[in-house]
Amino acid sequence: MNNAIYLNYLEFARHEMLAALGMDYAGMRSAGFGLVVARIDIRYRRPAVEGDALTILSRATKRLRVGGIIAQRILKEEQLIAEADVTWVSIDAKGRAAPMPEKFDVAGLWP
């Protein structure tokens, strides 16, 4: 499996995490705000092949002034396949870093 595929898996898992926390993405976009990835530090530990059943664990690990860091781990059974620290930033309608409006702040988004 090409290593770039893992980035798609991690993105999907982050969206699932935010949805499970109750993040109102549509409301945030309507209000002119959004969340974007500013950096991904990924470490590949073992290969996976197409068809492998993978589990992705995601948790918030750090709060930043206008964003945070989500740590993610990709597992195949008990084996660590890859791990990443994803730095995200809240942006305004002009695409500039801006504090997320309080009404969109959800429990679990911060450590």
N, C-alpha and C. Protein backbone atom coordinates (compact mmCIF):
# COMPACT_ATOMS: atom_id res chain seq x y z
N MET A 1 0.85 -1.17 0.00
CA MET A 1 0.00 0.00 0.00
C MET A 1 0.90 1.24 0.00
N ASN A 2 0.59 2.19 -0.85
CA ASN A 2 1.36 3.43 -0.93
C ASN A 2 1.18 4.24 0.36
N ASN A 3 2.27 4.79 0.88
CA ASN A 3 2.21 5.53 2.14
C ASN A 3 1.26 6.72 2.10
N ALA A 4 1.04 7.31 0.93
CA ALA A 4 0.14 8.46 0.83
C ALA A 4 -1.30 8.08 1.20
N ILE A 5 -1.66 6.82 1.03
CA ILE A 5 -3.02 6.35 1.36
C ILE A 5 -3.30 6.55 2.85
N TYR A 6 -2.29 6.39 3.68
CA TYR A 6 -2.49 6.54 5.13
C TYR A 6 -3.01 7.93 5.48
N LEU A 7 -2.58 8.95 4.73
CA LEU A 7 -3.06 10.31 5.00
C LEU A 7 -4.57 10.41 4.79
N ASN A 8 -5.10 9.73 3.78
CA ASN A 8 -6.55 9.70 3.57
C ASN A 8 -7.25 9.00 4.73
N TYR A 9 -6.70 7.89 5.17
CA TYR A 9 -7.29 7.16 6.29
C TYR A 9 -7.32 8.03 7.55
N LEU A 10 -6.21 8.74 7.80
CA LEU A 10 -6.14 9.60 8.97
C LEU A 10 -7.16 10.73 8.89
N GLU A 11 -7.31 11.32 7.70
CA GLU A 11 -8.28 12.41 7.53
C GLU A 11 -9.70 11.91 7.81
N PHE A 12 -10.05 10.75 7.25
CA PHE A 12 -11.37 10.18 7.48
C PHE A 12 -11.60 9.96 8.98
N ALA A 13 -10.59 9.41 9.66
CA ALA A 13 -10.72 9.14 11.10
C ALA A 13 -10.88 10.43 11.90
N ARG A 14 -10.18 11.51 11.50
CA ARG A 14 -10.35 12.79 12.21
C ARG A 14 -11.77 13.32 12.03
N HIS A 15 -12.30 13.21 10.82
CA HIS A 15 -13.68 13.66 10.59
C HIS A 15 -14.66 12.83 11.43
N GLU A 16 -14.43 11.54 11.51
CA GLU A 16 -15.27 10.68 12.34
C GLU A 16 -15.17 11.07 13.81
N MET A 17 -13.97 11.37 14.27
CA MET A 17 -13.76 11.80 15.66
C MET A 17 -14.54 13.08 15.95
N LEU A 18 -14.40 14.07 15.07
CA LEU A 18 -15.08 15.35 15.28
C LEU A 18 -16.60 15.18 15.24
N ALA A 19 -17.09 14.34 14.35
CA ALA A 19 -18.53 14.08 14.29
C ALA A 19 -19.01 13.41 15.58
N ALA A 20 -18.23 12.45 16.08
CA ALA A 20 -18.59 11.76 17.32
C ALA A 20 -18.59 12.71 18.52
N LEU A 21 -17.74 13.74 18.46
CA LEU A 21 -17.69 14.73 19.54
C LEU A 21 -18.83 15.75 19.45
N GLY A 22 -19.55 15.74 18.32
CA GLY A 22 -20.66 16.67 18.14
C GLY A 22 -20.28 17.95 17.42
N MET A 23 -19.15 17.97 16.74
CA MET A 23 -18.72 19.17 16.00
C MET A 23 -19.74 19.50 14.91
N ASP A 24 -20.19 20.74 14.87
CA ASP A 24 -21.14 21.22 13.85
C ASP A 24 -20.36 21.84 12.69
N TYR A 25 -19.81 20.99 11.81
CA TYR A 25 -19.01 21.46 10.68
C TYR A 25 -19.81 22.37 9.77
N ALA A 26 -21.03 21.96 9.44
CA ALA A 26 -21.86 22.76 8.53
C ALA A 26 -22.14 24.13 9.13
N GLY A 27 -22.46 24.18 10.41
CA GLY A 27 -22.71 25.45 11.09
C GLY A 27 -21.47 26.31 11.13
N MET A 28 -20.32 25.67 11.34
CA MET A 28 -19.07 26.41 11.38
C MET A 28 -18.78 27.04 10.01
N ARG A 29 -18.96 26.26 8.94
CA ARG A 29 -18.73 26.80 7.59
C ARG A 29 -19.71 27.93 7.29
N SER A 30 -20.97 27.77 7.69
CA SER A 30 -21.97 28.82 7.46
C SER A 30 -21.61 30.11 8.19
N ALA A 31 -20.94 29.97 9.33
CA ALA A 31 -20.53 31.14 10.11
C ALA A 31 -19.21 31.72 9.60
N GLY A 32 -18.64 31.10 8.56
CA GLY A 32 -17.40 31.63 7.98
C GLY A 32 -16.13 31.12 8.62
N PHE A 33 -16.20 30.00 9.31
CA PHE A 33 -15.02 29.42 9.95
C PHE A 33 -14.80 28.01 9.44
N GLY A 34 -13.60 27.52 9.64
CA GLY A 34 -13.28 26.15 9.26
C GLY A 34 -12.06 25.66 10.01
N LEU A 35 -11.79 24.38 9.85
CA LEU A 35 -10.60 23.77 10.44
C LEU A 35 -9.75 23.24 9.30
N VAL A 36 -8.46 23.53 9.33
CA VAL A 36 -7.55 23.04 8.29
C VAL A 36 -6.33 22.40 8.94
N VAL A 37 -5.74 21.48 8.22
CA VAL A 37 -4.50 20.85 8.68
C VAL A 37 -3.34 21.75 8.29
N ALA A 38 -2.52 22.10 9.27
CA ALA A 38 -1.35 22.94 9.02
C ALA A 38 -0.07 22.10 8.90
N ARG A 39 -0.08 20.92 9.55
CA ARG A 39 1.12 20.09 9.54
C ARG A 39 0.76 18.67 9.93
N ILE A 40 1.42 17.72 9.29
CA ILE A 40 1.31 16.32 9.70
C ILE A 40 2.71 15.75 9.83
N ASP A 41 3.01 15.24 11.02
CA ASP A 41 4.28 14.56 11.27
C ASP A 41 3.93 13.08 11.38
N ILE A 42 4.25 12.30 10.35
CA ILE A 42 3.86 10.89 10.32
C ILE A 42 5.10 10.00 10.33
N ARG A 43 5.00 8.93 11.09
CA ARG A 43 6.07 7.94 11.17
C ARG A 43 5.50 6.59 10.76
N TYR A 44 6.09 6.01 9.73
CA TYR A 44 5.65 4.71 9.23
C TYR A 44 6.46 3.63 9.95
N ARG A 45 5.76 2.69 10.58
CA ARG A 45 6.44 1.68 11.39
C ARG A 45 6.49 0.30 10.72
N ARG A 46 5.38 -0.10 10.10
CA ARG A 46 5.29 -1.41 9.45
C ARG A 46 4.41 -1.26 8.22
N PRO A 47 4.59 -2.13 7.26
CA PRO A 47 3.73 -2.05 6.08
C PRO A 47 2.36 -2.67 6.32
N ALA A 48 1.40 -2.19 5.57
CA ALA A 48 0.08 -2.81 5.49
C ALA A 48 -0.16 -3.08 4.02
N VAL A 49 -1.01 -4.04 3.73
CA VAL A 49 -1.33 -4.34 2.34
C VAL A 49 -2.83 -4.18 2.13
N GLU A 50 -3.21 -3.97 0.88
CA GLU A 50 -4.62 -3.80 0.55
C GLU A 50 -5.40 -4.99 1.10
N GLY A 51 -6.51 -4.69 1.75
CA GLY A 51 -7.34 -5.73 2.34
C GLY A 51 -7.12 -5.92 3.82
N ASP A 52 -6.02 -5.39 4.37
CA ASP A 52 -5.80 -5.49 5.82
C ASP A 52 -6.88 -4.71 6.56
N ALA A 53 -7.36 -5.27 7.66
CA ALA A 53 -8.30 -4.56 8.53
C ALA A 53 -7.48 -3.67 9.46
N LEU A 54 -7.68 -2.37 9.33
CA LEU A 54 -6.91 -1.41 10.12
C LEU A 54 -7.83 -0.67 11.09
N THR A 55 -7.29 -0.34 12.24
CA THR A 55 -8.00 0.46 13.24
C THR A 55 -7.22 1.76 13.40
N ILE A 56 -7.95 2.88 13.49
CA ILE A 56 -7.29 4.17 13.70
C ILE A 56 -7.80 4.77 14.99
N LEU A 57 -6.88 5.07 15.88
CA LEU A 57 -7.19 5.70 17.16
C LEU A 57 -6.79 7.17 17.07
N SER A 58 -7.68 8.05 17.51
CA SER A 58 -7.43 9.50 17.45
C SER A 58 -7.75 10.12 18.79
N ARG A 59 -6.88 11.03 19.24
CA ARG A 59 -7.18 11.75 20.49
C ARG A 59 -6.48 13.10 20.47
N ALA A 60 -7.13 14.08 21.06
CA ALA A 60 -6.55 15.41 21.17
C ALA A 60 -5.44 15.36 22.22
N THR A 61 -4.29 15.97 21.89
CA THR A 61 -3.16 15.93 22.83
C THR A 61 -2.66 17.30 23.26
N LYS A 62 -2.99 18.34 22.49
CA LYS A 62 -2.48 19.66 22.85
C LYS A 62 -3.39 20.74 22.29
N ARG A 63 -3.57 21.79 23.09
CA ARG A 63 -4.33 22.96 22.64
C ARG A 63 -3.35 24.06 22.27
N LEU A 64 -3.58 24.68 21.13
CA LEU A 64 -2.78 25.81 20.68
C LEU A 64 -3.66 27.05 20.65
N ARG A 65 -3.07 28.21 20.42
CA ARG A 65 -3.84 29.46 20.45
C ARG A 65 -5.02 29.43 19.48
N VAL A 66 -4.81 28.96 18.28
CA VAL A 66 -5.91 28.92 17.29
C VAL A 66 -6.06 27.53 16.69
N GLY A 67 -5.79 26.52 17.48
CA GLY A 67 -5.91 25.15 16.97
C GLY A 67 -5.49 24.15 18.01
N GLY A 68 -4.97 23.04 17.53
CA GLY A 68 -4.55 21.99 18.43
C GLY A 68 -3.81 20.89 17.70
N ILE A 69 -3.48 19.85 18.45
CA ILE A 69 -2.80 18.69 17.89
C ILE A 69 -3.62 17.45 18.22
N ILE A 70 -3.81 16.62 17.20
CA ILE A 70 -4.49 15.34 17.36
C ILE A 70 -3.46 14.25 17.07
N ALA A 71 -3.29 13.34 18.02
CA ALA A 71 -2.39 12.20 17.83
C ALA A 71 -3.22 11.05 17.26
N GLN A 72 -2.68 10.41 16.23
CA GLN A 72 -3.39 9.30 15.61
C GLN A 72 -2.45 8.11 15.46
N ARG A 73 -3.03 6.92 15.63
CA ARG A 73 -2.28 5.68 15.48
C ARG A 73 -3.06 4.75 14.57
N ILE A 74 -2.37 4.16 13.61
CA ILE A 74 -2.97 3.16 12.73
C ILE A 74 -2.46 1.80 13.19
N LEU A 75 -3.39 0.90 13.49
CA LEU A 75 -3.04 -0.43 13.99
C LEU A 75 -3.60 -1.51 13.08
N LYS A 76 -2.84 -2.59 12.94
CA LYS A 76 -3.33 -3.82 12.32
C LYS A 76 -3.28 -4.85 13.43
N GLU A 77 -4.44 -5.20 13.94
CA GLU A 77 -4.54 -6.00 15.16
C GLU A 77 -3.80 -5.25 16.26
N GLU A 78 -2.77 -5.80 16.83
CA GLU A 78 -2.03 -5.12 17.91
C GLU A 78 -0.78 -4.42 17.40
N GLN A 79 -0.47 -4.56 16.11
CA GLN A 79 0.76 -4.00 15.57
C GLN A 79 0.58 -2.55 15.13
N LEU A 80 1.54 -1.71 15.52
CA LEU A 80 1.53 -0.31 15.11
C LEU A 80 2.04 -0.22 13.67
N ILE A 81 1.20 0.31 12.79
CA ILE A 81 1.54 0.48 11.38
C ILE A 81 2.12 1.87 11.14
N ALA A 82 1.45 2.88 11.69
CA ALA A 82 1.92 4.26 11.53
C ALA A 82 1.35 5.09 12.67
N GLU A 83 2.02 6.20 12.96
CA GLU A 83 1.51 7.14 13.96
C GLU A 83 1.78 8.55 13.46
N ALA A 84 0.87 9.45 13.80
CA ALA A 84 0.99 10.82 13.30
C ALA A 84 0.53 11.82 14.35
N ASP A 85 1.17 12.98 14.33
CA ASP A 85 0.71 14.14 15.09
C ASP A 85 0.23 15.15 14.06
N VAL A 86 -1.05 15.49 14.15
CA VAL A 86 -1.68 16.37 13.17
C VAL A 86 -1.99 17.70 13.83
N THR A 87 -1.37 18.76 13.33
CA THR A 87 -1.63 20.11 13.84
C THR A 87 -2.72 20.73 12.98
N TRP A 88 -3.80 21.14 13.63
CA TRP A 88 -4.90 21.78 12.90
C TRP A 88 -5.05 23.22 13.39
N VAL A 89 -5.63 24.03 12.54
CA VAL A 89 -5.81 25.45 12.83
C VAL A 89 -7.23 25.85 12.46
N SER A 90 -7.84 26.70 13.26
CA SER A 90 -9.14 27.29 12.96
C SER A 90 -8.90 28.51 12.07
N ILE A 91 -9.69 28.63 11.00
CA ILE A 91 -9.53 29.78 10.10
C ILE A 91 -10.85 30.53 9.95
N ASP A 92 -10.73 31.82 9.59
CA ASP A 92 -11.92 32.63 9.33
C ASP A 92 -12.26 32.58 7.84
N ALA A 93 -13.26 33.34 7.43
CA ALA A 93 -13.74 33.33 6.04
C ALA A 93 -12.67 33.76 5.04
N LYS A 94 -11.67 34.50 5.50
CA LYS A 94 -10.59 34.95 4.61
C LYS A 94 -9.41 33.98 4.59
N GLY A 95 -9.56 32.85 5.31
CA GLY A 95 -8.50 31.86 5.33
C GLY A 95 -7.37 32.17 6.28
N ARG A 96 -7.59 33.12 7.18
CA ARG A 96 -6.56 33.49 8.16
C ARG A 96 -6.80 32.73 9.47
N ALA A 97 -5.71 32.41 10.15
CA ALA A 97 -5.83 31.76 11.45
C ALA A 97 -6.62 32.66 12.39
N ALA A 98 -7.61 32.08 13.06
CA ALA A 98 -8.47 32.84 13.98
C ALA A 98 -9.00 31.90 15.05
N PRO A 99 -9.21 32.40 16.26
CA PRO A 99 -9.78 31.55 17.31
C PRO A 99 -11.14 31.00 16.87
N MET A 100 -11.38 29.74 17.22
CA MET A 100 -12.65 29.13 16.91
C MET A 100 -13.74 29.75 17.79
N PRO A 101 -14.88 30.12 17.20
CA PRO A 101 -15.97 30.67 18.02
C PRO A 101 -16.37 29.68 19.11
N GLU A 102 -16.62 30.20 20.28
CA GLU A 102 -16.93 29.37 21.44
C GLU A 102 -18.10 28.42 21.20
N LYS A 103 -19.10 28.86 20.42
CA LYS A 103 -20.27 28.01 20.21
C LYS A 103 -19.94 26.73 19.43
N PHE A 104 -18.78 26.68 18.77
CA PHE A 104 -18.38 25.48 18.04
C PHE A 104 -17.38 24.62 18.81
N ASP A 105 -16.97 25.10 19.97
CA ASP A 105 -16.03 24.37 20.82
C ASP A 105 -16.76 23.17 21.43
N VAL A 106 -16.20 21.98 21.28
CA VAL A 106 -16.84 20.79 21.81
C VAL A 106 -15.91 20.08 22.79
N ALA A 107 -16.51 19.46 23.80
CA ALA A 107 -15.73 18.67 24.76
C ALA A 107 -15.03 17.54 24.02
N GLY A 108 -13.79 17.29 24.36
CA GLY A 108 -13.02 16.24 23.72
C GLY A 108 -12.11 16.74 22.62
N LEU A 109 -12.34 17.98 22.17
CA LEU A 109 -11.47 18.57 21.16
C LEU A 109 -10.14 19.00 21.76
N TRP A 110 -10.15 19.18 23.06
CA TRP A 110 -8.96 19.60 23.79
C TRP A 110 -8.60 18.52 24.81
N PRO A 111 -7.31 18.38 25.09
CA PRO A 111 -6.90 17.36 26.08
C PRO A 111 -7.35 17.72 27.49
